[in-house]
Amino acid sequence: MSLQDSISDFDRVIKTLRGENGCPWDREQTHESLRSCIMEEAAELQAAIRIYEQTKDAGNMKEELGDLLLQVVMQSTIAEEEGLFTLEDVIIGVQEKMIRRHPHVFGDLNVNDSKEVLKNWEEIKKKEKETQTWTSSPLKDIPKELPSLTRATKTLKKVDKLYEKAPSFLQTQKELIQSANMLVNCVDHPEDAANEMGNLLMLLSRLAMQMHLPIEQILNDRIDDLIDQYE
């Protein structure tokens, strides 16, 4: 069976589930009701990738990729029912975007390394956003649904790039120590402690950004270490 046939067959399965004689649960779902499912499936795929790196068994990763694809097709089916767009529109749209954002592959642009690729990607992306009516500002466009530490890092990167250069690495270290000391001194005052803890987390995010470290993954790894310690 070809890839095209597989996608068409899967699309029909989802349409059947959403149809008059389909599954009551699937028929009740909306874009909004499936938001949490998308987050969960993405997290489970991340876990499956980690499991693959540890075990070299790709079975779980294949299954979780399928579950995430299910969310894409289900959302597209609901959108088609609402007259918004179809699964085919989604596929064509992302295909055109990949071609548009890789002029060094599909065009005649020359690049020397991946840094130039990322720079061109951001420039092309910026031009695309100029015609999009749903964008508001560079910082507000960063999804609130991202994990907080990831959102903090992405926000700090954009602030550094577009508005104000980040303090030096040494200055960030000094501010981090000062914030940690202030937090210790206000532990008896919950509101002050909460504010200072927020400052401390932002400083840690800035430090991670400057060191090119994935702060969200680092914390998750430490959580795993804690779980392994007790179980």
C-alpha atoms as a PDB file:
ATOM      1  CA  MET A   1       0.000   0.000   0.000  1.00  0.00           C
ATOM      2  CA  SER A   2       1.347   3.437  -0.938  1.00  0.00           C
ATOM      3  CA  LEU A   3       1.761   6.276   1.526  1.00  0.00           C
ATOM      4  CA  GLN A   4      -0.995   8.199  -0.259  1.00  0.00           C
ATOM      5  CA  ASP A   5      -3.385   5.253   0.074  1.00  0.00           C
ATOM      6  CA  SER A   6      -2.498   4.826   3.765  1.00  0.00           C
ATOM      7  CA  ILE A   7      -3.223   8.471   4.520  1.00  0.00           C
ATOM      8  CA  SER A   8      -6.498   8.351   2.564  1.00  0.00           C
ATOM      9  CA  ASP A   9      -7.602   5.185   4.373  1.00  0.00           C
ATOM     10  CA  PHE A  10      -6.772   6.679   7.768  1.00  0.00           C
ATOM     11  CA  ASP A  11      -8.659   9.847   6.864  1.00  0.00           C
ATOM     12  CA  ARG A  12     -11.711   7.722   6.047  1.00  0.00           C
ATOM     13  CA  VAL A  13     -11.436   5.888   9.377  1.00  0.00           C
ATOM     14  CA  ILE A  14     -11.538   9.178  11.306  1.00  0.00           C
ATOM     15  CA  LYS A  15     -14.437  10.454   9.187  1.00  0.00           C
ATOM     16  CA  THR A  16     -16.303   7.224   9.958  1.00  0.00           C
ATOM     17  CA  LEU A  17     -15.694   7.665  13.690  1.00  0.00           C
ATOM     18  CA  ARG A  18     -17.033  11.216  13.423  1.00  0.00           C
ATOM     19  CA  GLY A  19     -19.961  10.128  11.233  1.00  0.00           C
ATOM     20  CA  GLU A  20     -23.617   9.561  12.108  1.00  0.00           C
ATOM     21  CA  ASN A  21     -23.073   5.892  12.937  1.00  0.00           C
ATOM     22  CA  GLY A  22     -19.621   6.414  14.429  1.00  0.00           C
ATOM     23  CA  CYS A  23     -18.313   6.626  17.987  1.00  0.00           C
ATOM     24  CA  PRO A  24     -20.256   8.862  20.412  1.00  0.00           C
ATOM     25  CA  TRP A  25     -17.064  10.041  22.103  1.00  0.00           C
ATOM     26  CA  ASP A  26     -15.287  10.939  18.858  1.00  0.00           C
ATOM     27  CA  ARG A  27     -18.360  12.748  17.556  1.00  0.00           C
ATOM     28  CA  GLU A  28     -18.476  14.949  20.671  1.00  0.00           C
ATOM     29  CA  GLN A  29     -14.910  16.212  20.342  1.00  0.00           C
ATOM     30  CA  THR A  30     -14.064  19.786  19.388  1.00  0.00           C
ATOM     31  CA  HIS A  31     -10.858  21.716  18.734  1.00  0.00           C
ATOM     32  CA  GLU A  32     -10.969  22.935  22.337  1.00  0.00           C
ATOM     33  CA  SER A  33     -11.729  19.557  23.951  1.00  0.00           C
ATOM     34  CA  LEU A  34      -8.726  17.957  22.228  1.00  0.00           C
ATOM     35  CA  ARG A  35      -6.185  20.540  23.363  1.00  0.00           C
ATOM     36  CA  SER A  36      -5.122  18.520  26.405  1.00  0.00           C
ATOM     37  CA  CYS A  37      -4.893  15.365  24.295  1.00  0.00           C
ATOM     38  CA  ILE A  38      -2.424  17.068  21.955  1.00  0.00           C
ATOM     39  CA  MET A  39      -0.224  18.096  24.899  1.00  0.00           C
ATOM     40  CA  GLU A  40      -0.335  14.595  26.373  1.00  0.00           C
ATOM     41  CA  GLU A  41       0.441  12.862  23.078  1.00  0.00           C
ATOM     42  CA  ALA A  42       3.376  15.204  22.403  1.00  0.00           C
ATOM     43  CA  ALA A  43       4.763  14.466  25.884  1.00  0.00           C
ATOM     44  CA  GLU A  44       4.313  10.727  25.372  1.00  0.00           C
ATOM     45  CA  LEU A  45       6.181  10.953  22.075  1.00  0.00           C
ATOM     46  CA  GLN A  46       9.034  12.732  23.846  1.00  0.00           C
ATOM     47  CA  ALA A  47       9.074   9.907  26.395  1.00  0.00           C
ATOM     48  CA  ALA A  48       9.083   7.335  23.590  1.00  0.00           C
ATOM     49  CA  ILE A  49      12.106   9.005  21.998  1.00  0.00           C
ATOM     50  CA  ARG A  50      13.901   8.870  25.345  1.00  0.00           C
ATOM     51  CA  ILE A  51      12.989   5.183  25.718  1.00  0.00           C
ATOM     52  CA  TYR A  52      14.308   4.504  22.223  1.00  0.00           C
ATOM     53  CA  GLU A  53      17.624   6.183  23.067  1.00  0.00           C
ATOM     54  CA  GLN A  54      17.901   3.943  26.129  1.00  0.00           C
ATOM     55  CA  THR A  55      16.666   0.644  24.666  1.00  0.00           C
ATOM     56  CA  LYS A  56      16.970   1.024  20.849  1.00  0.00           C
ATOM     57  CA  ASP A  57      13.458  -0.440  20.648  1.00  0.00           C
ATOM     58  CA  ALA A  58      11.464   1.795  18.269  1.00  0.00           C
ATOM     59  CA  GLY A  59       8.069   0.146  18.798  1.00  0.00           C
ATOM     60  CA  ASN A  60       6.804   2.643  21.366  1.00  0.00           C
ATOM     61  CA  MET A  61       8.043   5.589  19.308  1.00  0.00           C
ATOM     62  CA  LYS A  62       6.169   4.336  16.229  1.00  0.00           C
ATOM     63  CA  GLU A  63       2.983   3.970  18.277  1.00  0.00           C
ATOM     64  CA  GLU A  64       3.237   7.449  19.799  1.00  0.00           C
ATOM     65  CA  LEU A  65       3.928   9.036  16.411  1.00  0.00           C
ATOM     66  CA  GLY A  66       0.705   7.392  15.267  1.00  0.00           C
ATOM     67  CA  ASP A  67      -1.186   8.820  18.242  1.00  0.00           C
ATOM     68  CA  LEU A  68       0.114  12.305  17.454  1.00  0.00           C
ATOM     69  CA  LEU A  69      -0.843  11.860  13.804  1.00  0.00           C
ATOM     70  CA  LEU A  70      -4.313  10.888  15.000  1.00  0.00           C
ATOM     71  CA  GLN A  71      -4.623  14.298  16.650  1.00  0.00           C
ATOM     72  CA  VAL A  72      -3.609  16.055  13.425  1.00  0.00           C
ATOM     73  CA  VAL A  73      -6.132  14.124  11.353  1.00  0.00           C
ATOM     74  CA  MET A  74      -8.908  14.502  13.949  1.00  0.00           C
ATOM     75  CA  GLN A  75      -8.398  18.266  14.182  1.00  0.00           C
ATOM     76  CA  SER A  76      -8.314  18.518  10.392  1.00  0.00           C
ATOM     77  CA  THR A  77     -11.536  16.489  10.112  1.00  0.00           C
ATOM     78  CA  ILE A  78     -13.317  18.766  12.585  1.00  0.00           C
ATOM     79  CA  ALA A  79     -12.045  21.790  10.652  1.00  0.00           C
ATOM     80  CA  GLU A  80     -13.347  20.294   7.384  1.00  0.00           C
ATOM     81  CA  GLU A  81     -16.770  19.782   8.980  1.00  0.00           C
ATOM     82  CA  GLU A  82     -16.722  23.464   9.936  1.00  0.00           C
ATOM     83  CA  GLY A  83     -15.748  24.511   6.415  1.00  0.00           C
ATOM     84  CA  LEU A  84     -12.354  25.838   7.521  1.00  0.00           C
ATOM     85  CA  PHE A  85      -9.780  23.612   5.788  1.00  0.00           C
ATOM     86  CA  THR A  86      -9.034  19.954   5.019  1.00  0.00           C
ATOM     87  CA  LEU A  87      -6.255  17.504   5.827  1.00  0.00           C
ATOM     88  CA  GLU A  88      -5.011  17.974   2.281  1.00  0.00           C
ATOM     89  CA  ASP A  89      -4.798  21.736   2.895  1.00  0.00           C
ATOM     90  CA  VAL A  90      -2.717  21.083   6.018  1.00  0.00           C
ATOM     91  CA  ILE A  91      -0.292  18.816   4.148  1.00  0.00           C
ATOM     92  CA  ILE A  92       0.026  21.163   1.181  1.00  0.00           C
ATOM     93  CA  GLY A  93       0.537  24.121   3.503  1.00  0.00           C
ATOM     94  CA  VAL A  94       3.398  22.584   5.464  1.00  0.00           C
ATOM     95  CA  GLN A  95       4.972  21.224   2.248  1.00  0.00           C
ATOM     96  CA  GLU A  96       4.962  24.689   0.684  1.00  0.00           C
ATOM     97  CA  LYS A  97       6.378  26.164   3.886  1.00  0.00           C
ATOM     98  CA  MET A  98       9.284  23.701   3.934  1.00  0.00           C
ATOM     99  CA  ILE A  99      10.131  24.506   0.319  1.00  0.00           C
ATOM    100  CA  ARG A 100       9.817  28.261   0.967  1.00  0.00           C
ATOM    101  CA  ARG A 101      12.018  28.133   4.068  1.00  0.00           C
ATOM    102  CA  HIS A 102      14.754  26.052   2.422  1.00  0.00           C
ATOM    103  CA  PRO A 103      15.848  28.190  -0.550  1.00  0.00           C
ATOM    104  CA  HIS A 104      19.337  26.713  -0.186  1.00  0.00           C
ATOM    105  CA  VAL A 105      17.870  23.311  -1.088  1.00  0.00           C
ATOM    106  CA  PHE A 106      14.975  24.117  -3.432  1.00  0.00           C
ATOM    107  CA  GLY A 107      16.343  27.416  -4.789  1.00  0.00           C
ATOM    108  CA  ASP A 108      19.674  28.964  -5.670  1.00  0.00           C
ATOM    109  CA  LEU A 109      20.663  30.443  -2.305  1.00  0.00           C
ATOM    110  CA  ASN A 110      24.124  29.460  -1.034  1.00  0.00           C
ATOM    111  CA  VAL A 111      24.800  28.882   2.679  1.00  0.00           C
ATOM    112  CA  ASN A 112      27.986  27.921   4.482  1.00  0.00           C
ATOM    113  CA  ASP A 113      26.650  26.278   7.643  1.00  0.00           C
ATOM    114  CA  SER A 114      23.612  25.597   9.828  1.00  0.00           C
ATOM    115  CA  LYS A 115      23.920  29.046  11.468  1.00  0.00           C
ATOM    116  CA  GLU A 116      23.211  30.700   8.128  1.00  0.00           C
ATOM    117  CA  VAL A 117      20.324  28.280   7.591  1.00  0.00           C
ATOM    118  CA  LEU A 118      18.735  29.344  10.916  1.00  0.00           C
ATOM    119  CA  LYS A 119      19.302  33.033  10.151  1.00  0.00           C
ATOM    120  CA  ASN A 120      17.594  32.712   6.759  1.00  0.00           C
ATOM    121  CA  TRP A 121      14.784  30.671   8.353  1.00  0.00           C
ATOM    122  CA  GLU A 122      14.062  33.464  10.854  1.00  0.00           C
ATOM    123  CA  GLU A 123      14.122  36.142   8.139  1.00  0.00           C
ATOM    124  CA  ILE A 124      11.707  34.191   5.953  1.00  0.00           C
ATOM    125  CA  LYS A 125       9.486  33.483   8.953  1.00  0.00           C
ATOM    126  CA  LYS A 126       9.427  37.205   9.820  1.00  0.00           C
ATOM    127  CA  LYS A 127       8.278  38.104   6.296  1.00  0.00           C
ATOM    128  CA  GLU A 128       5.551  35.452   6.474  1.00  0.00           C
ATOM    129  CA  LYS A 129       4.227  36.887   9.726  1.00  0.00           C
ATOM    130  CA  GLU A 130       3.868  40.357   8.167  1.00  0.00           C
ATOM    131  CA  THR A 131       0.869  39.054   6.199  1.00  0.00           C
ATOM    132  CA  GLN A 132      -0.708  37.114   9.064  1.00  0.00           C
ATOM    133  CA  THR A 133      -3.633  38.873  10.733  1.00  0.00           C
ATOM    134  CA  TRP A 134      -3.579  36.703  13.880  1.00  0.00           C
ATOM    135  CA  THR A 135      -0.107  37.742  15.058  1.00  0.00           C
ATOM    136  CA  SER A 136       0.138  40.460  17.702  1.00  0.00           C
ATOM    137  CA  SER A 137       3.783  40.954  18.721  1.00  0.00           C
ATOM    138  CA  PRO A 138       6.999  38.895  18.748  1.00  0.00           C
ATOM    139  CA  LEU A 139       6.788  38.179  22.484  1.00  0.00           C
ATOM    140  CA  LYS A 140       3.030  37.661  22.765  1.00  0.00           C
ATOM    141  CA  ASP A 141       3.179  35.215  19.845  1.00  0.00           C
ATOM    142  CA  ILE A 142       5.236  32.801  21.977  1.00  0.00           C
ATOM    143  CA  PRO A 143       2.602  30.223  23.021  1.00  0.00           C
ATOM    144  CA  LYS A 144       1.480  30.404  26.643  1.00  0.00           C
ATOM    145  CA  GLU A 145       0.869  26.657  26.420  1.00  0.00           C
ATOM    146  CA  LEU A 146       4.618  25.939  26.396  1.00  0.00           C
ATOM    147  CA  PRO A 147       6.169  24.632  29.613  1.00  0.00           C
ATOM    148  CA  SER A 148       7.135  27.663  31.704  1.00  0.00           C
ATOM    149  CA  LEU A 149      10.908  27.182  31.572  1.00  0.00           C
ATOM    150  CA  THR A 150      10.848  26.689  27.803  1.00  0.00           C
ATOM    151  CA  ARG A 151       8.632  29.749  27.385  1.00  0.00           C
ATOM    152  CA  ALA A 152      10.981  31.784  29.586  1.00  0.00           C
ATOM    153  CA  THR A 153      14.012  30.826  27.502  1.00  0.00           C
ATOM    154  CA  LYS A 154      12.277  31.589  24.187  1.00  0.00           C
ATOM    155  CA  THR A 155      11.071  34.949  25.542  1.00  0.00           C
ATOM    156  CA  LEU A 156      14.538  35.896  26.796  1.00  0.00           C
ATOM    157  CA  LYS A 157      16.075  34.967  23.442  1.00  0.00           C
ATOM    158  CA  LYS A 158      13.653  37.240  21.592  1.00  0.00           C
ATOM    159  CA  VAL A 159      14.143  40.082  24.070  1.00  0.00           C
ATOM    160  CA  ASP A 160      17.899  39.717  23.589  1.00  0.00           C
ATOM    161  CA  LYS A 161      17.531  39.706  19.805  1.00  0.00           C
ATOM    162  CA  LEU A 162      14.846  42.349  19.262  1.00  0.00           C
ATOM    163  CA  TYR A 163      14.755  44.724  22.220  1.00  0.00           C
ATOM    164  CA  GLU A 164      17.597  44.698  24.713  1.00  0.00           C
ATOM    165  CA  LYS A 165      20.843  42.789  24.857  1.00  0.00           C
ATOM    166  CA  ALA A 166      21.027  40.364  27.747  1.00  0.00           C
ATOM    167  CA  PRO A 167      23.451  41.181  30.570  1.00  0.00           C
ATOM    168  CA  SER A 168      26.816  39.481  30.378  1.00  0.00           C
ATOM    169  CA  PHE A 169      27.273  35.931  31.601  1.00  0.00           C
ATOM    170  CA  LEU A 170      29.202  37.245  34.614  1.00  0.00           C
ATOM    171  CA  GLN A 171      26.465  39.764  35.436  1.00  0.00           C
ATOM    172  CA  THR A 172      23.838  37.018  35.237  1.00  0.00           C
ATOM    173  CA  GLN A 173      25.872  34.930  37.684  1.00  0.00           C
ATOM    174  CA  LYS A 174      26.047  37.846  40.133  1.00  0.00           C
ATOM    175  CA  GLU A 175      22.306  38.531  39.858  1.00  0.00           C
ATOM    176  CA  LEU A 176      21.610  34.831  40.387  1.00  0.00           C
ATOM    177  CA  ILE A 177      23.603  34.760  43.632  1.00  0.00           C
ATOM    178  CA  GLN A 178      21.911  37.949  44.853  1.00  0.00           C
ATOM    179  CA  SER A 179      18.463  36.574  44.064  1.00  0.00           C
ATOM    180  CA  ALA A 180      19.207  33.279  45.831  1.00  0.00           C
ATOM    181  CA  ASN A 181      20.342  35.179  48.948  1.00  0.00           C
ATOM    182  CA  MET A 182      17.227  37.371  48.883  1.00  0.00           C
ATOM    183  CA  LEU A 183      15.028  34.282  48.582  1.00  0.00           C
ATOM    184  CA  VAL A 184      16.647  32.737  51.647  1.00  0.00           C
ATOM    185  CA  ASN A 185      16.073  35.940  53.599  1.00  0.00           C
ATOM    186  CA  CYS A 186      12.362  36.162  52.811  1.00  0.00           C
ATOM    187  CA  VAL A 187      11.280  32.550  53.360  1.00  0.00           C
ATOM    188  CA  ASP A 188       9.041  33.692  56.240  1.00  0.00           C
ATOM    189  CA  HIS A 189       7.115  35.981  53.869  1.00  0.00           C
ATOM    190  CA  PRO A 190       5.366  33.782  51.242  1.00  0.00           C
ATOM    191  CA  GLU A 191       4.409  36.604  48.862  1.00  0.00           C
ATOM    192  CA  ASP A 192       7.921  38.065  48.794  1.00  0.00           C
ATOM    193  CA  ALA A 193       9.388  34.566  48.485  1.00  0.00           C
ATOM    194  CA  ALA A 194       7.136  33.796  45.514  1.00  0.00           C
ATOM    195  CA  ASN A 195       8.231  36.967  43.710  1.00  0.00           C
ATOM    196  CA  GLU A 196      11.891  36.283  44.373  1.00  0.00           C
ATOM    197  CA  MET A 197      11.533  32.658  43.308  1.00  0.00           C
ATOM    198  CA  GLY A 198      10.072  33.901  40.023  1.00  0.00           C
ATOM    199  CA  ASN A 199      13.082  36.193  39.569  1.00  0.00           C
ATOM    200  CA  LEU A 200      15.416  33.313  40.375  1.00  0.00           C
ATOM    201  CA  LEU A 201      13.767  31.033  37.806  1.00  0.00           C
ATOM    202  CA  MET A 202      14.032  33.738  35.129  1.00  0.00           C
ATOM    203  CA  LEU A 203      17.707  34.212  35.946  1.00  0.00           C
ATOM    204  CA  LEU A 204      18.289  30.466  35.728  1.00  0.00           C
ATOM    205  CA  SER A 205      16.540  30.493  32.344  1.00  0.00           C
ATOM    206  CA  ARG A 206      18.770  33.344  31.177  1.00  0.00           C
ATOM    207  CA  LEU A 207      21.869  31.487  32.379  1.00  0.00           C
ATOM    208  CA  ALA A 208      20.746  28.361  30.525  1.00  0.00           C
ATOM    209  CA  MET A 209      20.171  30.435  27.392  1.00  0.00           C
ATOM    210  CA  GLN A 210      23.650  31.923  27.606  1.00  0.00           C
ATOM    211  CA  MET A 211      25.169  28.462  28.111  1.00  0.00           C
ATOM    212  CA  HIS A 212      23.029  26.946  25.319  1.00  0.00           C
ATOM    213  CA  LEU A 213      21.593  24.398  27.735  1.00  0.00           C
ATOM    214  CA  PRO A 214      18.048  22.930  27.469  1.00  0.00           C
ATOM    215  CA  ILE A 215      16.758  23.942  30.898  1.00  0.00           C
ATOM    216  CA  GLU A 216      13.450  22.068  30.597  1.00  0.00           C
ATOM    217  CA  GLN A 217      15.225  18.833  29.703  1.00  0.00           C
ATOM    218  CA  ILE A 218      17.778  19.332  32.479  1.00  0.00           C
ATOM    219  CA  LEU A 219      15.026  19.580  35.099  1.00  0.00           C
ATOM    220  CA  ASN A 220      13.241  16.555  33.648  1.00  0.00           C
ATOM    221  CA  ASP A 221      16.478  14.558  33.816  1.00  0.00           C
ATOM    222  CA  ARG A 222      16.912  15.483  37.479  1.00  0.00           C
ATOM    223  CA  ILE A 223      13.320  14.414  38.166  1.00  0.00           C
ATOM    224  CA  ASP A 224      14.122  11.063  36.537  1.00  0.00           C
ATOM    225  CA  ASP A 225      17.203  10.749  38.759  1.00  0.00           C
ATOM    226  CA  LEU A 226      15.009  11.348  41.815  1.00  0.00           C
ATOM    227  CA  ILE A 227      12.519   8.705  40.690  1.00  0.00           C
ATOM    228  CA  ASP A 228      15.322   6.212  40.067  1.00  0.00           C
ATOM    229  CA  GLN A 229      16.701   6.937  43.522  1.00  0.00           C
ATOM    230  CA  TYR A 230      13.477   5.830  45.204  1.00  0.00           C
ATOM    231  CA  GLU A 231      12.111   3.278  42.748  1.00  0.00           C
END
